[in-house]
């Protein structure tokens, strides 16, 4: 958790389910996988959260292997990421 608290990032990017579990679920967050915030709010949306007492924005995205269709992957996440990259990403920051 020191990596999140010390530099005080404005945006914490979580790539895939494992970081979501590590940073959100284990700290009382409402989601256990990328599918949950994506279904509730849309893929690749900034979420305001407090982690270790620090307010920041969290950006849950597909793991690069999924997003780039490298090896075993999900077409759902590849397509969602491609659409996000073209339409949503340019407007985030």
Protein backbone atom coordinates (compact mmCIF):
# COMPACT_ATOMS: atom_id res chain seq x y z
CA UNK A 1 0.00 0.00 0.00
CA UNK A 2 3.00 2.31 0.41
CA UNK A 3 3.22 2.62 -3.38
CA UNK A 4 -0.24 4.17 -3.43
CA UNK A 5 0.05 6.41 -0.39
CA UNK A 6 3.56 7.86 -0.73
CA UNK A 7 3.52 9.37 -4.24
CA UNK A 8 -0.15 10.48 -3.90
CA UNK A 9 -1.24 9.60 -7.42
CA UNK A 10 -4.24 11.36 -8.91
CA UNK A 11 -5.29 8.24 -10.81
CA UNK A 12 -4.62 4.61 -9.89
CA UNK A 13 -4.88 2.38 -12.98
CA UNK A 14 -5.80 -1.23 -12.20
CA UNK A 15 -5.14 -3.70 -15.03
CA UNK A 16 -7.31 -6.78 -14.62
CA UNK A 17 -8.97 -8.69 -11.82
CA UNK A 18 -5.95 -9.31 -9.57
CA UNK A 19 -5.18 -5.62 -8.91
CA UNK A 20 -8.90 -4.98 -8.37
CA UNK A 21 -8.97 -7.67 -5.69
CA UNK A 22 -5.72 -6.41 -4.12
CA UNK A 23 -6.55 -2.70 -4.01
CA UNK A 24 -10.35 -2.69 -3.83
CA UNK A 25 -11.91 -5.91 -2.54
CA UNK A 26 -9.41 -6.46 0.31
CA UNK A 27 -9.93 -2.87 1.45
CA UNK A 28 -13.70 -2.95 1.62
CA UNK A 29 -14.38 -1.96 -1.97
CA UNK A 30 -17.60 -3.09 -3.61
CA UNK A 31 -16.09 -5.00 -6.55
CA UNK A 32 -14.37 -8.36 -6.90
CA UNK A 33 -13.66 -8.31 -10.64
CA UNK A 34 -13.45 -6.00 -13.64
CA UNK A 35 -16.88 -7.17 -14.76
CA UNK A 36 -18.63 -5.54 -11.79
CA UNK A 37 -17.66 -1.85 -12.23
CA UNK A 38 -17.83 -2.30 -16.01
CA UNK A 39 -21.40 -3.57 -15.82
CA UNK A 40 -22.50 -0.97 -13.28
CA UNK A 41 -20.78 2.13 -14.66
CA UNK A 42 -19.39 1.22 -18.07
CA UNK A 43 -15.94 -0.03 -19.01
CA UNK A 44 -12.99 2.25 -18.27
CA UNK A 45 -14.81 4.88 -16.21
CA UNK A 46 -13.01 6.80 -13.49
CA UNK A 47 -14.25 5.87 -10.02
CA UNK A 48 -13.67 8.07 -6.99
CA UNK A 49 -12.46 5.99 -4.04
CA UNK A 50 -10.63 6.26 -0.75
CA UNK A 51 -7.78 3.80 -0.35
CA UNK A 52 -5.65 3.81 2.82
CA UNK A 53 -7.24 7.14 3.75
CA UNK A 54 -6.26 8.73 0.44
CA UNK A 55 -8.94 9.97 -1.96
CA UNK A 56 -8.08 9.25 -5.56
CA UNK A 57 -9.57 8.23 -8.84
CA UNK A 58 -9.38 4.59 -9.85
CA UNK A 59 -9.42 3.47 -13.47
CA UNK A 60 -10.15 -0.26 -13.82
CA UNK A 61 -9.12 -1.61 -17.23
CA UNK A 62 -8.61 -5.00 -18.84
CA UNK A 63 -5.21 -6.60 -18.47
CA UNK A 64 -3.06 -5.86 -21.57
CA UNK A 65 -3.17 -9.52 -22.59
CA UNK A 66 -6.96 -9.31 -22.78
CA UNK A 67 -7.07 -5.87 -24.38
CA UNK A 68 -4.53 -6.80 -27.06
CA UNK A 69 -5.85 -10.32 -27.69
CA UNK A 70 -2.50 -11.89 -26.84
CA UNK A 71 -2.78 -15.64 -26.37
CA UNK A 72 -5.79 -16.85 -24.45
CA UNK A 73 -8.12 -13.86 -24.15
CA UNK A 74 -11.71 -12.69 -24.00
CA UNK A 75 -13.28 -11.09 -27.06
CA UNK A 76 -15.55 -9.15 -24.67
CA UNK A 77 -12.63 -7.36 -23.03
CA UNK A 78 -10.77 -6.86 -26.31
CA UNK A 79 -13.83 -5.21 -27.87
CA UNK A 80 -14.65 -3.16 -24.77
CA UNK A 81 -11.08 -1.87 -24.57
CA UNK A 82 -10.94 -1.00 -28.29
CA UNK A 83 -14.16 0.99 -28.00
CA UNK A 84 -12.92 2.69 -24.81
CA UNK A 85 -9.61 3.58 -26.46
CA UNK A 86 -11.36 5.16 -29.44
CA UNK A 87 -14.18 6.98 -27.64
CA UNK A 88 -13.66 7.41 -23.89
CA UNK A 89 -9.90 7.50 -23.27
CA UNK A 90 -9.29 10.77 -25.16
CA UNK A 91 -11.79 12.57 -22.89
CA UNK A 92 -10.55 11.32 -19.50
CA UNK A 93 -7.67 13.65 -18.68
